[in-house]
Protein backbone atom coordinates (compact mmCIF):
# COMPACT_ATOMS: atom_id res chain seq x y z
CA MET A 1 148.77 8.13 107.01
CA SER A 2 145.02 8.64 106.72
CA THR A 3 144.74 12.05 108.43
CA VAL A 4 145.01 15.19 106.31
CA PHE A 5 144.81 18.84 107.35
CA LEU A 6 142.74 21.27 105.25
CA LEU A 7 144.56 24.56 105.64
CA GLY A 8 141.74 26.80 104.39
CA ALA A 9 139.12 25.12 106.56
CA ASN A 10 141.59 24.85 109.46
CA LYS A 11 140.46 21.29 110.12
CA SER A 12 141.96 17.81 110.26
CA ILE A 13 140.17 15.06 108.34
CA ASP A 14 140.50 11.39 109.22
CA ARG A 15 140.12 9.63 105.88
CA SER A 16 139.79 6.23 107.53
CA LYS A 17 136.47 7.28 109.07
CA GLN A 18 133.47 6.54 106.85
CA VAL A 19 131.15 9.55 106.60
CA VAL A 20 128.61 8.45 103.96
CA GLU A 21 127.03 5.18 102.90
CA VAL A 22 126.58 3.38 99.60
CA ASN A 23 123.56 4.77 97.67
CA GLU A 24 123.78 8.08 99.56
CA ILE A 25 123.50 11.28 97.54
CA ILE A 26 126.16 13.95 97.94
CA GLN A 27 126.81 17.18 96.08
CA MET A 28 129.59 19.29 94.65
CA GLU A 29 129.78 22.82 96.01
CA GLY A 30 131.64 25.85 94.68
CA TYR A 31 132.09 24.57 91.12
CA SER A 32 129.45 22.61 89.20
CA TYR A 33 126.90 22.12 92.02
CA ASP A 34 126.10 18.69 90.55
CA ARG A 35 124.78 15.84 92.65
CA TYR A 36 126.36 12.38 92.87
CA VAL A 37 125.46 9.01 94.29
CA VAL A 38 128.01 6.87 96.14
CA TYR A 39 127.96 3.43 94.50
CA ASP A 40 131.00 1.87 96.18
CA ILE A 41 133.47 2.51 99.00
CA VAL A 42 137.00 1.07 98.84
CA LYS A 43 139.63 1.08 101.57
CA ASN A 44 143.33 1.49 100.85
CA ASP A 45 146.48 2.42 102.78
CA TRP A 46 145.53 6.08 102.69
CA GLY A 47 141.97 5.72 103.93
CA LEU A 48 138.58 5.36 102.27
CA HIS A 49 138.03 5.88 98.58
CA TYR A 50 134.45 6.83 97.52
CA LYS A 51 133.30 5.93 94.01
CA LEU A 52 130.63 8.24 92.58
CA VAL A 53 128.36 8.68 89.57
CA ASN A 54 127.14 12.10 88.46
CA LEU A 55 123.32 12.08 88.41
CA ARG A 56 123.18 14.60 85.56
CA THR A 57 126.04 13.60 83.24
CA LYS A 58 126.34 9.93 84.26
CA ASP A 59 130.12 10.33 84.46
CA TYR A 60 132.23 8.39 86.95
CA GLN A 61 134.12 10.29 89.64
CA THR A 62 136.05 9.54 92.81
CA ALA A 63 136.47 11.36 96.12
CA ASP A 64 138.81 10.87 99.05
CA ILE A 65 137.32 13.58 101.24
CA ILE A 66 133.61 14.32 101.70
CA ARG A 67 132.71 16.96 104.29
CA PRO A 68 129.46 17.84 106.08
CA LEU A 69 127.41 20.51 104.36
CA LYS A 70 126.99 22.45 107.62
CA GLU A 71 130.77 22.98 107.65
CA LYS A 72 130.99 24.05 104.02
CA PHE A 73 134.21 25.84 103.09
CA GLY A 74 135.35 26.19 99.50
CA ILE A 75 135.09 23.83 96.55
CA GLY A 76 134.54 20.18 97.38
CA TYR A 77 132.18 17.27 97.92
CA TYR A 78 129.66 17.61 100.74
CA TYR A 79 127.03 15.43 102.41
CA ASP A 80 123.97 16.52 104.33
CA SER A 81 124.52 15.12 107.82
CA GLU A 82 121.18 16.44 109.08
CA ASN A 83 118.91 15.39 106.20
CA PRO A 84 120.73 12.62 104.29
CA GLN A 85 119.23 11.50 100.96
CA TYR A 86 119.47 8.06 99.38
CA MET A 87 118.67 6.42 96.08
CA ASP A 88 116.95 3.09 95.73
CA SER A 89 119.42 0.26 94.98
CA PHE A 90 117.55 -0.57 91.80
CA GLU A 91 117.80 3.05 90.61
CA VAL A 92 121.53 3.06 91.34
CA ALA A 93 121.94 -0.18 89.36
CA ILE A 94 120.18 1.36 86.34
CA LEU A 95 122.29 4.52 86.69
CA LEU A 96 125.50 2.45 86.75
CA GLN A 97 124.38 0.54 83.66
CA GLU A 98 123.78 3.83 81.82
CA ALA A 99 127.14 5.17 83.02
CA GLN A 100 128.91 2.02 81.78
CA GLN A 101 127.22 2.26 78.39
CA LYS A 102 128.19 5.90 78.09
CA LYS A 103 131.80 5.16 79.03
CA LYS A 104 131.96 2.32 76.52
CA ALA A 105 130.56 4.53 73.77
CA GLU A 106 133.09 7.27 74.60
CA GLN A 107 135.95 4.75 74.53
CA GLU A 108 134.82 3.42 71.14
CA GLU A 109 134.55 6.97 69.80
CA ALA A 110 138.00 7.79 71.15
CA GLU A 111 139.43 4.71 69.44
CA LYS A 112 137.81 5.71 66.13
CA GLU A 113 139.26 9.20 66.49
CA LYS A 114 142.68 7.74 67.23
CA VAL A 115 142.53 5.68 64.02
CA ARG A 116 141.34 8.71 62.02
CA VAL A 117 144.15 10.91 63.36
CA GLU A 118 146.74 8.28 62.49
CA GLU A 119 145.43 8.02 58.92
CA VAL A 120 145.68 11.80 58.55
CA LYS A 121 149.21 11.71 59.97
CA LYS A 122 150.29 9.06 57.47
CA ILE A 123 149.34 11.36 54.63
CA GLY A 124 150.87 14.34 56.42
CA ARG A 125 154.23 12.65 56.95
CA LEU A 126 154.54 12.01 53.21
CA ARG A 127 153.60 15.61 52.42
CA MET A 128 156.09 16.96 54.95
CA ILE A 129 158.89 14.86 53.45
CA ALA A 130 158.00 16.15 49.99
CA ILE A 131 158.07 19.86 50.92
CA PHE A 132 160.83 19.77 53.56
CA PRO A 133 164.00 21.50 52.22
CA GLU A 134 167.26 19.81 53.14
CA ASN A 135 168.73 23.07 54.46
CA ALA A 136 165.72 24.08 56.53
CA GLN A 137 166.45 25.19 60.10
CA ALA A 138 162.96 26.37 61.06
CA VAL A 139 159.31 26.17 60.01
CA ILE A 140 157.36 29.40 59.62
CA VAL A 141 153.79 28.76 60.70
CA ALA A 142 150.55 30.63 61.22
CA ARG A 143 148.36 29.73 64.18
CA LEU A 144 144.74 30.70 64.72
CA LYS A 145 144.29 31.48 68.41
CA GLN A 146 141.00 31.35 70.31
CA ASN A 147 140.64 33.32 73.53
CA GLU A 148 139.96 31.07 76.54
CA SER A 149 140.45 33.82 79.13
CA ASP A 150 138.12 34.66 81.99
CA SER A 151 138.77 38.22 83.14
CA GLN A 152 136.52 37.81 86.17
CA THR A 153 138.89 35.22 87.63
CA ASP A 154 142.09 36.77 86.19
CA TYR A 155 142.59 33.67 84.05
CA TYR A 156 144.28 34.34 80.72
CA ALA A 157 144.83 31.63 78.15
CA SER A 158 144.21 30.68 74.55
CA SER A 159 143.99 27.56 72.42
CA VAL A 160 145.22 26.89 68.88
CA GLN A 161 142.31 26.19 66.53
CA ARG A 162 144.32 25.74 63.35
CA THR A 163 147.94 25.66 62.18
CA VAL A 164 149.06 26.56 58.66
CA ILE A 165 152.56 25.97 57.28
CA LEU A 166 153.70 29.12 55.45
CA GLY A 167 157.27 28.19 54.60
CA PHE A 168 160.73 27.23 55.82
CA SER A 169 163.77 29.21 56.93
CA THR A 170 167.47 28.43 56.59
CA HIS A 171 168.19 29.85 60.05
CA LYS A 172 166.65 29.89 63.54
CA ARG A 173 166.79 33.65 64.14
CA ASP A 174 163.49 35.41 64.80
CA ILE A 175 163.21 38.15 62.18
CA PHE A 176 159.88 39.89 61.73
CA SER A 177 160.64 40.99 58.17
CA GLU A 178 160.98 37.30 57.28
CA MET A 179 157.64 36.52 58.91
CA ARG A 180 156.01 39.38 57.00
CA LYS A 181 157.51 38.02 53.77
CA HIS A 182 155.60 34.75 54.27
CA ALA A 183 152.36 36.33 55.51
CA PRO A 184 150.80 36.73 52.02
CA ASN A 185 151.06 32.99 51.40
CA PHE A 186 147.78 32.57 53.28
CA GLU A 187 144.70 34.77 53.05
CA GLY A 188 144.16 34.72 56.82
CA THR A 189 147.57 36.28 57.49
CA ALA A 190 147.97 38.43 54.37
CA TYR A 191 147.33 41.66 56.31
CA LEU A 192 150.38 40.95 58.47
CA ALA A 193 152.65 41.53 55.48
CA GLU A 194 152.38 45.28 55.93
CA PHE A 195 154.76 46.70 58.54
CA ASN A 196 153.08 47.48 61.85
CA GLU A 197 155.27 47.80 64.91
CA ASP A 198 152.32 46.94 67.18
CA TYR A 199 152.20 43.48 65.60
CA GLU A 200 155.80 42.67 66.57
CA HIS A 201 155.84 40.85 69.93
CA ARG A 202 159.12 40.02 71.66
CA GLU A 203 158.46 37.81 74.67
CA LYS A 204 161.61 35.72 75.02
CA TYR A 205 161.56 35.64 78.79
CA SER A 206 160.36 33.24 81.47
CA MET A 207 156.66 32.45 80.92
CA GLY A 208 156.71 34.53 77.70
CA ASP A 209 155.40 33.42 74.30
CA GLY A 210 158.56 34.10 72.31
CA TYR A 211 158.61 36.15 69.10
CA TYR A 212 155.36 36.27 67.18
CA LEU A 213 153.76 38.53 64.61
CA GLY A 214 150.10 39.36 65.13
CA GLU A 215 147.58 41.56 66.88
CA SER A 216 147.17 39.37 69.96
CA LYS A 217 148.47 36.10 71.36
CA TYR A 218 144.97 35.33 72.64
CA SER A 219 142.84 35.61 69.49
CA GLY A 220 143.23 35.81 65.73
CA TRP A 221 146.12 34.74 63.53
CA ILE A 222 149.76 34.98 64.56
CA ILE A 223 152.95 34.00 62.71
CA GLU A 224 155.95 32.45 64.45
CA LYS A 225 159.00 30.27 63.76
CA THR A 226 159.45 26.76 65.08
CA PRO A 227 163.13 25.72 65.17
CA ILE A 228 164.12 22.39 63.65
CA TYR A 229 166.49 20.30 65.78
CA LYS A 230 165.71 16.84 64.47
CA ARG A 231 164.17 16.47 61.05
CA GLU A 232 162.13 13.38 62.00
CA ASN A 233 160.72 15.12 65.08
CA THR A 234 159.57 18.10 63.05
CA ILE A 235 157.93 15.83 60.48
CA GLU A 236 156.03 14.12 63.28
CA GLU A 237 155.13 17.43 64.93
CA PHE A 238 153.48 18.76 61.77
CA ALA A 239 152.21 15.45 60.36
CA TYR A 240 148.60 16.06 61.41
CA THR A 241 148.68 19.65 60.15
CA ALA A 242 150.11 18.59 56.78
CA GLY A 243 147.54 15.81 56.56
CA ASN A 244 145.09 18.47 55.41
CA GLU A 245 146.43 19.94 52.17
CA ASP A 246 144.65 23.21 52.88
CA ASN A 247 147.01 23.74 55.81
CA ILE A 248 150.02 24.05 53.50
CA HIS A 249 150.43 27.46 51.89
CA ILE A 250 153.93 27.60 50.49
CA SER A 251 154.12 29.61 47.27
CA LYS A 252 156.82 31.07 45.08
CA PRO A 253 156.53 34.67 43.93
CA ASN A 254 155.40 35.26 40.37
CA SER A 255 155.20 38.64 38.66
CA THR A 256 152.74 37.56 35.94
CA PRO A 257 149.66 39.81 36.07
CA PRO A 258 146.24 38.31 36.80
CA SER A 259 144.39 36.73 33.91
CA ASN A 260 140.87 37.93 34.72
CA PRO A 261 140.94 41.65 35.54
CA THR A 262 137.66 43.52 35.88
CA GLY A 263 139.22 46.55 34.17
CA ALA A 264 142.18 48.90 33.84
CA GLY A 265 142.12 52.62 34.57
CA LYS A 266 144.20 55.43 36.05
CA ASN A 267 147.99 54.87 35.85
CA GLY A 268 147.28 51.58 34.11
CA CYS A 269 146.10 50.07 37.40
CA THR A 270 143.92 46.98 37.36
CA LEU A 271 140.93 46.40 39.66
CA VAL A 272 140.09 42.73 40.26
CA GLU A 273 137.78 40.70 42.45
CA TYR A 274 140.18 39.20 44.99
CA SER A 275 137.67 37.08 46.92
CA THR A 276 134.00 37.06 47.84
CA LYS A 277 134.75 39.69 50.47
CA ALA A 278 137.56 41.73 48.93
CA VAL A 279 138.82 43.45 45.78
CA ALA A 280 142.42 44.28 44.87
CA VAL A 281 144.24 46.90 42.85
CA PHE A 282 147.39 45.96 40.91
CA GLY A 283 149.78 48.09 38.90
CA ASP A 284 151.95 51.17 39.38
CA THR A 285 150.27 52.64 42.47
CA LYS A 286 153.24 54.53 43.92
CA SER A 287 151.94 57.98 42.90
CA ILE A 288 148.43 57.31 44.27
CA LYS A 289 149.30 55.28 47.36
CA ASP A 290 148.11 58.01 49.75
CA GLU A 291 144.74 58.18 48.00
CA LEU A 292 144.37 54.40 48.07
CA ARG A 293 145.21 54.31 51.77
CA ALA A 294 142.69 57.07 52.43
CA MET A 295 140.02 54.94 50.75
CA GLY A 296 140.69 52.15 53.22
CA GLY A 297 143.23 50.18 51.22
CA ARG A 298 145.97 48.04 52.73
CA PHE A 299 149.17 47.48 50.75
CA ASN A 300 150.42 43.92 50.50
CA ALA A 301 153.65 43.06 48.74
CA ARG A 302 152.68 39.44 48.12
CA LEU A 303 148.99 39.09 47.40
CA THR A 304 147.86 35.69 46.16
CA PHE A 305 145.76 35.75 43.00
CA ASN A 306 145.13 32.83 40.64
CA GLY A 307 147.90 30.98 42.42
CA LYS A 308 150.43 33.74 41.72
CA LYS A 309 152.14 36.37 43.88
CA LEU A 310 151.60 40.05 43.11
CA ALA A 311 152.13 43.32 44.95
CA GLY A 312 148.93 45.32 45.29
CA TRP A 313 146.31 46.93 47.47
CA ILE A 314 143.52 45.00 49.17
CA PHE A 315 140.11 46.55 49.84
CA SER A 316 136.80 45.47 51.33
CA LYS A 317 134.23 44.38 48.76
CA SER A 318 132.09 47.32 49.86
CA GLN A 319 134.71 49.68 48.34
CA GLU A 320 134.42 48.19 44.84
CA GLN A 321 132.00 50.80 43.46
CA GLN A 322 134.04 53.69 44.88
CA LEU A 323 137.23 52.26 43.36
CA ALA A 324 135.56 51.68 40.00
CA CYS A 325 134.47 55.30 39.99
CA TYR A 326 137.95 56.48 41.02
CA PHE A 327 139.62 54.50 38.22
CA GLY A 328 136.96 55.51 35.72
CA LEU A 329 135.67 51.96 35.26
CA ASP A 330 132.00 52.45 36.10
């Protein structure tokens, strides 16, 4: 059947009727507004099939329905029935040659990427086998989300930019305290170790995102559990992630104090440089916790320092001088 009915335009289209010619220029309306040239027309059981090349991007495209511009309605391909435009056959031939070269280059690049990904996965599979506990029932992971939403069109979505393995669980239950326990394993999620009810998201319903710990499901880091049903499937699922050693942050707690403190002061507390952007306070801070919080500190039960786990307070680097003064270290 070659006739279709466009509900929005309230019009029947006979796809067996040719409306444009080879080398004729048409355009996309309502989306990219790009222009295309028709380089071939093929007939099948459903009607005519127009083969196109984008004049700007040199990408191939196809169209089954091309409507007159004077009857424009919605997104689609349109031709100018009153003032048709054509390209010279020689120009079309050059354009097709460029399009073919581009497609070939893209295919070669895709094949190289496929080989690269497989090499990373080979390494990752071995790493996963090495760190995978026999009694594991779930993987606790951190995911960096990037907002892909468009509020103007009421489109809400996000993409995962990076996945980090924080640890394993011996059960499949979603428990936020367990997620917080693993948060300090990675600097990007360390702040999630402190209890904050607003970070606990329970979306186990149709179209929901399950249980996850984080500020937003659309941007920033979140922590969630991925159940293990088949060991080999989980190894394959995280093979690419584990292929980069920096995506594995599984650490055991250690109470040994840091080896390079910047100084010790009030209550025997130690102030250290935690990173290029942060400083940390370790020691018996229970009696001064309110003061530390007032200075902008955030308590973290499992800070990572020199490869070891320590409870302490994390501050912005800009607070270092104030803290040094407070602890009498300046």
